[in-house]
Amino acid sequence: MFFGYGKYFCEIDSDNAKEVGVSIIWRGYRQNPGSYGKQLLRIADDKNGK
């Protein structure tokens, strides 16, 4: 559930939306680290369209 909503926000071309998406995914990570670690690393490497 957290991943789906977080991914939705992370795919929006807005830095604010990405911050919200990461926050949502982080909540899921706290509950299940194995499932969310790769997604958080991918987002951390994002250049935000620059």
C-alpha atoms as a PDB file:
ATOM      1  CA  MET A   1       0.000   0.000   0.000  1.00  0.00           C
ATOM      2  CA  PHE A   2       2.712   2.505   0.981  1.00  0.00           C
ATOM      3  CA  PHE A   3       4.795   1.607  -2.052  1.00  0.00           C
ATOM      4  CA  GLY A   4       1.988   2.160  -4.557  1.00  0.00           C
ATOM      5  CA  TYR A   5       1.064   5.581  -3.228  1.00  0.00           C
ATOM      6  CA  GLY A   6       4.688   6.594  -2.767  1.00  0.00           C
ATOM      7  CA  LYS A   7       5.589   5.514  -6.290  1.00  0.00           C
ATOM      8  CA  TYR A   8       2.672   7.510  -7.674  1.00  0.00           C
ATOM      9  CA  PHE A   9       3.964  10.699  -6.056  1.00  0.00           C
ATOM     10  CA  CYS A  10       7.597   9.991  -6.996  1.00  0.00           C
ATOM     11  CA  GLU A  11       6.696   9.763 -10.685  1.00  0.00           C
ATOM     12  CA  ILE A  12       5.249  13.293 -10.714  1.00  0.00           C
ATOM     13  CA  ASP A  13       7.655  15.895 -12.133  1.00  0.00           C
ATOM     14  CA  SER A  14       7.715  17.987  -8.979  1.00  0.00           C
ATOM     15  CA  ASP A  15      10.307  18.025  -6.229  1.00  0.00           C
ATOM     16  CA  ASN A  16       7.584  18.506  -3.616  1.00  0.00           C
ATOM     17  CA  ALA A  17       5.666  15.480  -4.875  1.00  0.00           C
ATOM     18  CA  LYS A  18       8.842  13.389  -4.763  1.00  0.00           C
ATOM     19  CA  GLU A  19       9.434  14.420  -1.156  1.00  0.00           C
ATOM     20  CA  VAL A  20       5.913  13.324  -0.269  1.00  0.00           C
ATOM     21  CA  GLY A  21       6.421  10.049  -2.140  1.00  0.00           C
ATOM     22  CA  VAL A  22       9.666   9.314  -0.319  1.00  0.00           C
ATOM     23  CA  SER A  23       7.997  10.074   3.016  1.00  0.00           C
ATOM     24  CA  ILE A  24       5.208   7.625   2.244  1.00  0.00           C
ATOM     25  CA  ILE A  25       7.646   4.928   1.111  1.00  0.00           C
ATOM     26  CA  TRP A  26       9.749   5.534   4.235  1.00  0.00           C
ATOM     27  CA  ARG A  27       6.759   4.688   6.402  1.00  0.00           C
ATOM     28  CA  GLY A  28       6.480   1.383   4.563  1.00  0.00           C
ATOM     29  CA  TYR A  29      10.229   0.798   4.912  1.00  0.00           C
ATOM     30  CA  ARG A  30       9.990   1.066   8.678  1.00  0.00           C
ATOM     31  CA  GLN A  31       7.467  -1.784   8.591  1.00  0.00           C
ATOM     32  CA  ASN A  32       9.233  -3.966   5.993  1.00  0.00           C
ATOM     33  CA  PRO A  33      12.812  -2.875   5.132  1.00  0.00           C
ATOM     34  CA  GLY A  34      13.510  -5.616   2.579  1.00  0.00           C
ATOM     35  CA  SER A  35      10.722  -4.623   0.213  1.00  0.00           C
ATOM     36  CA  TYR A  36      11.425  -0.908   0.172  1.00  0.00           C
ATOM     37  CA  GLY A  37      15.216  -0.599   0.222  1.00  0.00           C
ATOM     38  CA  LYS A  38      15.748  -0.842  -3.542  1.00  0.00           C
ATOM     39  CA  GLN A  39      13.057   1.737  -4.281  1.00  0.00           C
ATOM     40  CA  LEU A  40      14.545   4.223  -1.822  1.00  0.00           C
ATOM     41  CA  LEU A  41      17.998   3.791  -3.368  1.00  0.00           C
ATOM     42  CA  ARG A  42      16.614   4.359  -6.866  1.00  0.00           C
ATOM     43  CA  ILE A  43      14.884   7.553  -5.758  1.00  0.00           C
ATOM     44  CA  ALA A  44      18.039   8.767  -4.000  1.00  0.00           C
ATOM     45  CA  ASP A  45      19.925   8.561  -7.322  1.00  0.00           C
ATOM     46  CA  ASP A  46      17.270  10.559  -9.208  1.00  0.00           C
ATOM     47  CA  LYS A  47      18.569  13.798 -10.728  1.00  0.00           C
ATOM     48  CA  ASN A  48      15.099  15.445 -10.588  1.00  0.00           C
ATOM     49  CA  GLY A  49      15.084  15.994 -14.333  1.00  0.00           C
ATOM     50  CA  LYS A  50      18.287  18.052 -14.359  1.00  0.00           C
END
